[in-house]
Amino acid sequence: MDTVMLSRLQFASTTIFHFIFVPLSIGLALILAIMQTMYVVKGDERYKTMTKFWGKLFLINFAVGVVTGIIQEFQFGMNWSDYSRFVGDVFGAPLAIEALAAFFLESTFIGLWIFGWDRLSKKVHLACIWLVAFGTTLSAFWILAANSFMQRPVGFEVVNGRAEMNDFFALITNGQLLVEFPHTIFSAFATGAFLIAGISAWKLLKKQDTDFFKKSFHVSIIVALLSSVLVALFGHQQAQYLVHTQPMKMAAAEGLWENSGDPAAWTVWAAIDPEKQESTKEFKIPYALSFLSYSKFSGEVVGMKQLQSEYEATYGEGNYIPPVRTTFWSFRIMVACGTLMIVLAAYGWYLSARKKLDQKHTWFYRLMVAAIFMPIVANTAGWIMTEIGRQPWTVFGLLRTEDSVSPSVTSGEVLFSLISFTTIYTILAVVLVYLFLKVIKRGPNAVVEKTEKITSDPFAKEGLHV
């Protein structure tokens, strides 16, 4: 493989791995804040125990997420220096604000929250975890502001062959950001909620600490249901926005080579042949694509062949059709997972509200354990569709991927670092799973007892310093 493809694979692997932990941190922080609020308001010690137990998993996940994020950002200068030169004056601003403001906010108040039990007043200590939750969400906003510029460049001018920001307000009110941010943030809330609900279901299946995990399940399943529904709603808005701003991406996501006709049918599945530029064995739902695209049962969606001709007239000769199979199926994997999440969360909320979480529903508990991974799969598929569907552009309409790589980096160097990072990430994943299982097996009471005993270094005896 050449340097471009290897660099893409390396950035994809580090991004996908890092993006497992980011949504978990955002979602867990919110649910911890909710649990601790219930403790402060109700004075029920069980909610304090819940906060401490799930807080342990949050801290483990946060630590690993920070490490993987640092490696990811280094690649902008190492593998993608021409990209950094072109877009650095725009891209650097939201990244700098994220690091200097949002990340420092969350990391500072995480420290106060860890060491503040029984040292700060209840309300001040509660404010710390809410500021952590706010900080994680704010971090996501600034990262997505940078990514939205890559999807739809705004607030800039090209000077001496480089993009320079001339309107910061346009950058943070980018229409792409306004639809991408809520879709991503609610998917993060759902990710944390399904983790807690899935672990709670596993413990209920084993009949361990049933009262504790029923309460944990009840809190998390409400967040899971609300978040999953909102993810779908904002995802619908984002798809409609992309029909106008990145029509090639949406045409590829539908496997639509020719214009759809009016009304447009939505393709549930198809056999995609990029070489022949055709889709066969299609199963379609009439009118559905028109509704998804325009919120009405009429309207035509432009196909890839026509868009290719339009792009050639605008940007010059070249292939502007992204990898269609990947874009098509990643979109459907995301939609399928999101639909199943809504169904499972709705049924789980019904059982919990009716106090029917008993051993008659062991099949549901098993499904919820498996559903821990469903938001992660949906998040990954969504990002693959978002980034692959933008190809061949790094910055849509301005800079191509092949022109973004570092000119002095060889394919051998990238291959070596790709193997090295993959090995490191595998080790980190094993450590994370080991620590998670260790905390979960000990149960809430053991975790709380240890937390109360450790005063100087709450991580050392759990091995979290790793």
Protein backbone atom coordinates (compact mmCIF):
# COMPACT_ATOMS: atom_id res chain seq x y z
CA MET A 1 0.00 0.00 0.00
CA ASP A 2 1.10 3.57 -0.62
CA THR A 3 1.67 6.25 2.00
CA VAL A 4 -1.78 7.79 1.52
CA MET A 5 -3.67 4.56 2.14
CA LEU A 6 -1.47 3.56 5.10
CA SER A 7 -1.87 7.01 6.66
CA ARG A 8 -5.62 6.77 6.21
CA LEU A 9 -5.69 3.33 7.82
CA GLN A 10 -3.60 4.55 10.75
CA PHE A 11 -5.76 7.60 11.37
CA ALA A 12 -8.92 5.50 11.00
CA SER A 13 -7.72 2.88 13.49
CA THR A 14 -6.65 5.42 16.12
CA THR A 15 -9.82 7.47 15.66
CA ILE A 16 -12.14 4.48 15.91
CA PHE A 17 -10.36 3.20 19.01
CA HIS A 18 -10.33 6.66 20.64
CA PHE A 19 -13.99 7.17 19.82
CA ILE A 20 -14.94 4.14 21.89
CA PHE A 21 -13.92 5.98 25.06
CA VAL A 22 -15.04 9.53 24.27
CA PRO A 23 -18.80 8.78 24.10
CA LEU A 24 -18.50 6.56 27.19
CA SER A 25 -16.89 9.38 29.16
CA ILE A 26 -19.50 11.90 28.05
CA GLY A 27 -22.42 9.56 28.77
CA LEU A 28 -21.10 8.27 32.10
CA ALA A 29 -20.35 11.80 33.33
CA LEU A 30 -23.95 12.85 32.73
CA ILE A 31 -25.43 9.80 34.46
CA LEU A 32 -23.07 10.19 37.43
CA ALA A 33 -24.23 13.79 37.78
CA ILE A 34 -27.86 12.62 37.72
CA MET A 35 -27.22 9.92 40.32
CA GLN A 36 -25.36 12.26 42.64
CA THR A 37 -28.10 14.86 42.26
CA MET A 38 -30.62 12.26 43.41
CA TYR A 39 -28.39 11.51 46.39
CA VAL A 40 -28.16 15.19 47.37
CA VAL A 41 -31.87 15.86 46.83
CA LYS A 42 -33.23 12.67 48.42
CA GLY A 43 -30.49 12.00 50.95
CA ASP A 44 -30.59 8.31 49.97
CA GLU A 45 -27.19 6.69 50.56
CA ARG A 46 -27.89 4.13 47.83
CA TYR A 47 -27.52 6.83 45.19
CA LYS A 48 -24.17 7.80 46.71
CA THR A 49 -23.06 4.18 46.41
CA MET A 50 -24.23 4.14 42.81
CA THR A 51 -22.28 7.30 42.04
CA LYS A 52 -19.08 5.91 43.53
CA PHE A 53 -19.39 2.51 41.86
CA TRP A 54 -20.09 3.76 38.35
CA GLY A 55 -17.64 6.61 38.93
CA LYS A 56 -14.88 4.02 39.18
CA LEU A 57 -15.61 2.81 35.65
CA PHE A 58 -15.81 6.41 34.43
CA LEU A 59 -12.34 7.20 35.77
CA ILE A 60 -10.79 4.10 34.20
CA ASN A 61 -12.38 4.92 30.86
CA PHE A 62 -11.39 8.60 31.07
CA ALA A 63 -7.73 7.75 31.69
CA VAL A 64 -7.51 5.46 28.66
CA GLY A 65 -9.38 7.96 26.49
CA VAL A 66 -6.88 10.72 27.26
CA VAL A 67 -3.92 8.53 26.20
CA THR A 68 -5.52 7.51 22.90
CA GLY A 69 -6.52 11.08 22.11
CA ILE A 70 -2.95 12.37 22.46
CA ILE A 71 -1.66 9.84 19.92
CA GLN A 72 -4.43 10.76 17.51
CA GLU A 73 -3.66 14.49 17.52
CA PHE A 74 0.06 13.94 16.89
CA GLN A 75 -0.81 12.49 13.49
CA PHE A 76 -1.89 15.87 12.15
CA GLY A 77 1.74 16.99 12.18
CA MET A 78 3.36 13.63 11.50
CA ASN A 79 1.26 12.04 8.75
CA TRP A 80 -0.84 14.96 7.50
CA SER A 81 1.51 17.95 7.50
CA ASP A 82 0.28 19.36 4.15
CA TYR A 83 -3.24 19.25 5.53
CA SER A 84 -2.09 21.00 8.71
CA ARG A 85 -0.30 23.69 6.70
CA PHE A 86 -3.38 24.37 4.60
CA VAL A 87 -6.02 24.38 7.32
CA GLY A 88 -4.02 25.02 10.51
CA ASP A 89 -5.08 28.65 10.92
CA VAL A 90 -8.72 27.52 11.00
CA PHE A 91 -8.48 24.05 12.49
CA GLY A 92 -6.08 25.07 15.24
CA ALA A 93 -8.45 27.53 16.95
CA PRO A 94 -11.20 25.09 18.05
CA LEU A 95 -8.59 22.45 18.97
CA ALA A 96 -6.71 24.95 21.12
CA ILE A 97 -9.91 26.09 22.86
CA GLU A 98 -10.87 22.45 23.47
CA ALA A 99 -7.53 21.74 25.13
CA LEU A 100 -7.07 24.98 27.08
CA ALA A 101 -10.66 25.48 28.20
CA ALA A 102 -12.87 22.42 27.96
CA PHE A 103 -10.33 19.70 28.76
CA PHE A 104 -8.73 21.69 31.60
CA LEU A 105 -12.22 22.35 32.99
CA GLU A 106 -13.17 18.68 33.09
CA SER A 107 -9.76 17.43 34.28
CA THR A 108 -9.58 20.03 37.08
CA PHE A 109 -13.02 19.26 38.43
CA ILE A 110 -12.49 15.52 38.06
CA GLY A 111 -9.65 15.94 40.56
CA LEU A 112 -11.84 17.94 42.91
CA TRP A 113 -14.61 15.37 42.57
CA ILE A 114 -12.29 12.42 43.29
CA PHE A 115 -10.74 13.92 46.41
CA GLY A 116 -13.75 16.01 47.46
CA TRP A 117 -15.89 13.29 49.03
CA ASP A 118 -16.44 14.26 52.68
CA ARG A 119 -14.15 17.29 52.21
CA LEU A 120 -16.42 19.57 50.20
CA SER A 121 -20.03 20.32 51.01
CA LYS A 122 -22.56 18.14 49.22
CA LYS A 123 -23.69 20.91 46.92
CA VAL A 124 -20.18 22.06 46.00
CA HIS A 125 -19.13 18.48 45.39
CA LEU A 126 -22.22 17.95 43.23
CA ALA A 127 -21.33 21.07 41.24
CA CYS A 128 -17.93 19.49 40.50
CA ILE A 129 -19.40 16.47 38.70
CA TRP A 130 -21.86 18.66 36.79
CA LEU A 131 -18.92 20.80 35.63
CA VAL A 132 -17.13 17.62 34.56
CA ALA A 133 -20.22 16.63 32.54
CA PHE A 134 -20.39 20.13 31.06
CA GLY A 135 -16.67 20.03 30.24
CA THR A 136 -16.91 16.72 28.39
CA THR A 137 -19.81 18.04 26.34
CA LEU A 138 -17.95 21.29 25.64
CA SER A 139 -14.92 19.29 24.47
CA ALA A 140 -17.14 17.48 21.98
CA PHE A 141 -18.50 20.81 20.71
CA TRP A 142 -15.06 22.18 19.83
CA ILE A 143 -13.83 18.97 18.25
CA LEU A 144 -16.99 18.79 16.15
CA ALA A 145 -16.58 22.46 15.20
CA ALA A 146 -13.24 21.51 13.65
CA ASN A 147 -14.69 18.44 11.95
CA SER A 148 -17.67 20.41 10.64
CA PHE A 149 -15.29 22.75 8.84
CA MET A 150 -13.93 19.72 6.99
CA GLN A 151 -17.46 18.76 5.97
CA ARG A 152 -18.63 22.29 5.08
CA PRO A 153 -15.92 24.97 5.08
CA VAL A 154 -17.15 28.38 6.30
CA GLY A 155 -15.67 31.51 7.86
CA PHE A 156 -12.39 31.51 5.93
CA GLU A 157 -10.53 32.88 2.92
CA VAL A 158 -7.64 31.34 0.98
CA VAL A 159 -4.50 33.49 1.23
CA ASN A 160 -1.24 32.39 -0.41
CA GLY A 161 -2.56 28.87 -0.84
CA ARG A 162 -3.66 28.49 2.79
CA ALA A 163 -7.05 28.76 4.47
CA GLU A 164 -7.18 31.59 7.02
CA MET A 165 -10.08 32.21 9.38
CA ASN A 166 -11.89 35.51 8.87
CA ASP A 167 -15.13 34.81 10.75
CA PHE A 168 -14.94 32.85 14.00
CA PHE A 169 -18.68 33.23 14.60
CA ALA A 170 -19.41 31.57 11.24
CA LEU A 171 -17.22 28.64 12.31
CA ILE A 172 -19.16 27.98 15.52
CA THR A 173 -22.56 28.52 13.88
CA ASN A 174 -21.76 26.29 10.93
CA GLY A 175 -24.98 24.57 9.83
CA GLN A 176 -23.09 21.26 9.75
CA LEU A 177 -22.10 21.72 13.39
CA LEU A 178 -25.65 22.56 14.44
CA VAL A 179 -26.92 19.20 13.17
CA GLU A 180 -23.80 17.12 13.86
CA PHE A 181 -23.28 18.16 17.48
CA PRO A 182 -26.69 17.13 18.94
CA HIS A 183 -26.67 13.88 16.94
CA THR A 184 -23.22 13.01 18.31
CA ILE A 185 -23.79 14.17 21.88
CA PHE A 186 -27.02 12.24 22.37
CA SER A 187 -25.38 9.14 20.92
CA ALA A 188 -22.70 9.60 23.60
CA PHE A 189 -25.35 9.80 26.33
CA ALA A 190 -26.89 6.60 24.95
CA THR A 191 -23.49 4.89 24.93
CA GLY A 192 -22.92 5.51 28.64
CA ALA A 193 -26.51 4.59 29.47
CA PHE A 194 -26.38 1.25 27.64
CA LEU A 195 -23.11 0.38 29.39
CA ILE A 196 -24.68 0.86 32.83
CA ALA A 197 -27.92 -0.84 31.80
CA GLY A 198 -26.04 -3.79 30.30
CA ILE A 199 -23.81 -4.33 33.32
CA SER A 200 -26.85 -3.99 35.59
CA ALA A 201 -28.68 -6.60 33.51
CA TRP A 202 -25.71 -8.96 33.83
CA LYS A 203 -25.72 -8.58 37.62
CA LEU A 204 -29.49 -9.09 37.77
CA LEU A 205 -29.07 -12.22 35.68
CA LYS A 206 -26.62 -13.49 38.31
CA LYS A 207 -28.88 -12.32 41.17
CA GLN A 208 -26.14 -10.15 42.71
CA ASP A 209 -26.92 -6.89 44.54
CA THR A 210 -30.33 -6.86 42.87
CA ASP A 211 -31.70 -3.76 44.62
CA PHE A 212 -28.64 -1.71 43.67
CA PHE A 213 -28.61 -2.79 40.04
CA LYS A 214 -32.36 -2.42 39.59
CA LYS A 215 -32.03 1.23 40.60
CA SER A 216 -29.00 1.66 38.33
CA PHE A 217 -30.90 0.04 35.48
CA HIS A 218 -33.91 2.30 36.04
CA VAL A 219 -31.87 5.52 35.90
CA SER A 220 -29.79 4.44 32.91
CA ILE A 221 -32.64 3.02 30.84
CA ILE A 222 -34.51 6.34 31.00
CA VAL A 223 -31.41 8.13 29.70
CA ALA A 224 -30.97 5.39 27.08
CA LEU A 225 -34.51 5.74 25.78
CA LEU A 226 -34.59 9.54 25.63
CA SER A 227 -31.12 9.71 24.07
CA SER A 228 -31.81 7.02 21.47
CA VAL A 229 -34.99 8.76 20.32
CA LEU A 230 -33.22 12.13 20.10
CA VAL A 231 -30.33 10.55 18.20
CA ALA A 232 -32.80 9.35 15.58
CA LEU A 233 -34.52 12.74 15.35
CA PHE A 234 -31.30 14.73 14.99
CA GLY A 235 -29.89 12.08 12.64
CA HIS A 236 -32.91 12.68 10.41
CA GLN A 237 -32.18 16.41 10.44
CA GLN A 238 -28.52 15.78 9.63
CA ALA A 239 -29.40 13.55 6.68
CA GLN A 240 -31.71 16.23 5.27
CA TYR A 241 -28.96 18.82 5.67
CA LEU A 242 -26.44 16.61 3.85
CA VAL A 243 -28.80 16.16 0.90
CA HIS A 244 -28.18 19.85 0.16
CA THR A 245 -24.55 20.33 1.29
CA GLN A 246 -22.97 16.93 0.48
CA PRO A 247 -25.35 15.29 -2.01
CA MET A 248 -22.67 12.86 -3.24
CA LYS A 249 -22.32 11.41 0.27
CA MET A 250 -26.05 10.83 0.59
CA ALA A 251 -26.31 9.38 -2.93
CA ALA A 252 -23.53 6.93 -2.04
CA ALA A 253 -25.26 6.11 1.25
CA GLU A 254 -28.31 5.11 -0.82
CA GLY A 255 -26.37 3.32 -3.56
CA LEU A 256 -28.07 5.72 -5.94
CA TRP A 257 -26.20 5.81 -9.27
CA GLU A 258 -28.98 7.43 -11.31
CA ASN A 259 -31.50 10.05 -10.23
CA SER A 260 -34.11 8.46 -8.00
CA GLY A 261 -37.20 9.73 -9.73
CA ASP A 262 -40.09 11.40 -7.94
CA PRO A 263 -41.16 10.12 -5.44
CA ALA A 264 -37.94 8.45 -4.27
CA ALA A 265 -37.89 4.98 -2.69
CA TRP A 266 -35.49 4.11 0.15
CA THR A 267 -33.24 1.10 -0.48
CA VAL A 268 -33.17 -1.28 2.49
CA TRP A 269 -30.45 -3.42 0.94
CA ALA A 270 -28.79 -3.93 -2.43
CA ALA A 271 -25.83 -5.55 -4.15
CA ILE A 272 -23.47 -2.69 -5.01
CA ASP A 273 -21.13 -3.02 -8.01
CA PRO A 274 -18.81 0.03 -8.14
CA GLU A 275 -17.05 -1.16 -11.32
CA LYS A 276 -20.27 -1.40 -13.32
CA GLN A 277 -21.72 1.52 -11.38
CA GLU A 278 -24.98 -0.22 -10.67
CA SER A 279 -27.01 -1.57 -7.76
CA THR A 280 -28.94 -4.82 -8.13
CA LYS A 281 -31.11 -7.11 -5.97
CA GLU A 282 -32.60 -4.01 -4.37
CA PHE A 283 -35.33 -4.07 -1.77
CA LYS A 284 -36.97 -0.67 -1.59
CA ILE A 285 -39.65 1.08 0.47
CA PRO A 286 -41.67 3.42 -1.79
CA TYR A 287 -41.77 7.15 -0.91
CA ALA A 288 -39.44 6.65 2.08
CA LEU A 289 -36.34 8.37 0.64
CA SER A 290 -38.36 11.44 -0.34
CA PHE A 291 -39.69 11.67 3.21
CA LEU A 292 -36.23 11.15 4.75
CA SER A 293 -34.75 13.79 2.46
CA TYR A 294 -37.47 16.45 2.42
CA SER A 295 -40.03 15.47 5.13
CA LYS A 296 -42.65 14.97 2.44
CA PHE A 297 -43.64 12.08 0.21
CA SER A 298 -42.39 13.69 -2.98
CA GLY A 299 -39.06 14.92 -4.26
CA GLU A 300 -36.20 13.57 -6.34
CA VAL A 301 -32.72 12.72 -5.05
CA VAL A 302 -29.81 13.27 -7.45
CA GLY A 303 -27.70 10.22 -8.35
CA MET A 304 -23.93 9.83 -8.28
CA LYS A 305 -23.42 9.84 -12.05
CA GLN A 306 -25.04 13.24 -12.48
CA LEU A 307 -23.21 14.61 -9.44
CA GLN A 308 -19.93 13.31 -10.86
CA SER A 309 -20.49 15.36 -14.02
CA GLU A 310 -21.40 18.44 -11.96
CA TYR A 311 -18.31 18.05 -9.74
CA GLU A 312 -16.03 17.66 -12.76
CA ALA A 313 -17.40 20.90 -14.17
CA THR A 314 -16.82 22.64 -10.81
CA TYR A 315 -13.58 21.09 -9.50
CA GLY A 316 -11.90 19.67 -12.60
CA GLU A 317 -11.27 16.13 -13.78
CA GLY A 318 -11.17 13.33 -11.22
CA ASN A 319 -13.23 10.65 -9.51
CA TYR A 320 -15.53 12.25 -6.95
CA ILE A 321 -17.52 9.12 -6.10
CA PRO A 322 -16.60 7.80 -2.61
CA PRO A 323 -16.28 4.09 -1.72
CA VAL A 324 -19.95 3.27 -2.23
CA ARG A 325 -20.16 -0.14 -0.55
CA THR A 326 -18.58 1.15 2.66
CA THR A 327 -20.76 4.27 2.75
CA PHE A 328 -23.92 2.32 1.92
CA TRP A 329 -23.54 -0.44 4.51
CA SER A 330 -22.08 1.68 7.32
CA PHE A 331 -25.17 3.89 7.07
CA ARG A 332 -27.47 0.87 7.35
CA ILE A 333 -25.54 -0.63 10.25
CA MET A 334 -25.89 2.68 12.09
CA VAL A 335 -29.64 2.89 11.39
CA ALA A 336 -30.24 -0.76 12.34
CA CYS A 337 -28.37 -0.40 15.65
CA GLY A 338 -30.18 2.84 16.44
CA THR A 339 -33.57 1.25 15.80
CA LEU A 340 -32.77 -1.74 18.02
CA MET A 341 -31.55 0.59 20.75
CA ILE A 342 -34.88 2.42 20.79
CA VAL A 343 -36.82 -0.87 20.93
CA LEU A 344 -34.69 -2.36 23.73
CA ALA A 345 -34.65 0.87 25.75
CA ALA A 346 -38.43 1.27 25.44
CA TYR A 347 -39.06 -2.29 26.59
CA GLY A 348 -36.52 -1.97 29.40
CA TRP A 349 -38.16 1.23 30.61
CA TYR A 350 -41.56 -0.52 30.54
CA LEU A 351 -40.28 -3.43 32.65
CA SER A 352 -38.52 -1.12 35.10
CA ALA A 353 -41.47 1.28 35.48
CA ARG A 354 -43.85 -1.63 36.08
CA LYS A 355 -41.36 -3.23 38.50
CA LYS A 356 -41.17 -6.37 36.39
CA LEU A 357 -37.40 -6.76 36.43
CA ASP A 358 -37.38 -10.37 37.58
CA GLN A 359 -36.00 -13.73 36.52
CA LYS A 360 -38.85 -14.26 34.06
CA HIS A 361 -37.03 -11.91 31.70
CA THR A 362 -33.61 -13.55 31.58
CA TRP A 363 -33.73 -13.43 27.76
CA PHE A 364 -34.03 -9.64 27.95
CA TYR A 365 -31.12 -9.39 30.39
CA ARG A 366 -28.96 -11.31 27.93
CA LEU A 367 -29.99 -8.99 25.12
CA MET A 368 -29.13 -5.95 27.24
CA VAL A 369 -25.67 -7.35 27.99
CA ALA A 370 -25.07 -7.72 24.24
CA ALA A 371 -26.56 -4.23 23.71
CA ILE A 372 -23.59 -2.70 25.57
CA PHE A 373 -21.77 -2.86 22.25
CA MET A 374 -24.65 -1.63 20.09
CA PRO A 375 -24.05 2.13 20.56
CA ILE A 376 -20.32 1.58 20.02
CA VAL A 377 -21.02 -0.18 16.71
CA ALA A 378 -23.51 2.55 15.73
CA ASN A 379 -21.03 5.34 16.61
CA THR A 380 -18.25 3.65 14.65
CA ALA A 381 -20.45 3.01 11.61
CA GLY A 382 -21.70 6.60 11.71
CA TRP A 383 -18.20 8.04 11.72
CA ILE A 384 -17.07 5.70 8.94
CA MET A 385 -20.02 6.85 6.82
CA THR A 386 -19.29 10.51 7.64
CA GLU A 387 -15.59 10.38 6.76
CA ILE A 388 -15.54 7.82 3.95
CA GLY A 389 -18.56 9.44 2.32
CA ARG A 390 -16.63 12.73 2.05
CA GLN A 391 -13.85 11.21 -0.06
CA PRO A 392 -11.87 12.14 -2.09
CA TRP A 393 -11.83 15.32 0.02
CA THR A 394 -10.10 16.05 3.31
CA VAL A 395 -11.71 19.50 3.30
CA PHE A 396 -14.76 19.30 1.08
CA GLY A 397 -14.29 21.22 -2.17
CA LEU A 398 -10.89 22.63 -1.11
CA LEU A 399 -8.28 19.96 -0.36
CA ARG A 400 -8.11 16.37 -1.54
CA THR A 401 -6.92 13.53 0.67
CA GLU A 402 -4.07 12.62 -1.68
CA ASP A 403 -2.75 16.19 -1.36
CA SER A 404 -2.92 16.21 2.47
CA VAL A 405 -0.25 13.69 3.48
CA SER A 406 3.24 14.52 4.69
CA PRO A 407 5.59 14.56 1.68
CA SER A 408 8.65 13.32 3.61
CA VAL A 409 7.03 10.32 5.36
CA THR A 410 7.61 6.93 3.73
CA SER A 411 5.17 4.04 3.57
CA GLY A 412 7.56 1.92 5.67
CA GLU A 413 7.55 4.48 8.47
CA VAL A 414 3.77 4.69 8.47
CA LEU A 415 3.45 0.90 8.43
CA PHE A 416 5.81 0.60 11.41
CA SER A 417 3.89 3.20 13.43
CA LEU A 418 0.57 1.60 12.41
CA ILE A 419 1.71 -1.77 13.78
CA SER A 420 3.17 -0.12 16.90
CA PHE A 421 0.03 1.87 17.69
CA THR A 422 -2.18 -1.16 17.07
CA THR A 423 -0.09 -3.17 19.51
CA ILE A 424 -0.24 -0.42 22.15
CA TYR A 425 -3.99 -0.05 21.70
CA THR A 426 -4.49 -3.79 22.04
CA ILE A 427 -2.60 -3.74 25.34
CA LEU A 428 -4.66 -0.75 26.53
CA ALA A 429 -7.87 -2.56 25.57
CA VAL A 430 -6.84 -5.64 27.57
CA VAL A 431 -5.96 -3.48 30.59
CA LEU A 432 -9.26 -1.61 30.33
CA VAL A 433 -11.33 -4.81 30.15
CA TYR A 434 -9.38 -6.33 33.04
CA LEU A 435 -9.94 -3.29 35.27
CA PHE A 436 -13.60 -3.04 34.31
CA LEU A 437 -14.20 -6.70 35.14
CA LYS A 438 -12.26 -6.36 38.38
CA VAL A 439 -14.44 -3.48 39.58
CA ILE A 440 -17.68 -5.10 38.39
CA LYS A 441 -16.95 -8.47 40.02
CA ARG A 442 -16.17 -6.84 43.37
CA GLY A 443 -19.51 -5.13 43.35
CA PRO A 444 -20.66 -1.78 44.73
CA ASN A 445 -20.04 -2.42 48.42
CA ALA A 446 -16.40 -3.44 47.98
CA VAL A 447 -15.72 -0.43 45.76
CA VAL A 448 -17.26 2.02 48.23
CA GLU A 449 -15.33 0.52 51.18
CA LYS A 450 -12.04 0.86 49.33
CA THR A 451 -12.87 4.39 48.19
CA GLU A 452 -13.52 5.48 51.75
CA LYS A 453 -10.25 3.94 52.99
CA ILE A 454 -8.03 5.49 50.32
CA THR A 455 -7.40 9.15 51.05
CA SER A 456 -4.17 10.09 49.31
CA ASP A 457 -4.21 8.06 46.08
CA PRO A 458 -7.56 6.49 45.19
CA PHE A 459 -6.10 4.99 42.01
CA ALA A 460 -2.96 3.26 43.25
CA LYS A 461 -4.49 0.23 44.95
CA GLU A 462 -6.80 -0.40 42.02
CA GLY A 463 -3.95 -0.38 39.54
CA LEU A 464 -5.41 2.65 37.77
CA HIS A 465 -2.01 4.36 37.66
CA VAL A 466 -1.30 2.07 34.69
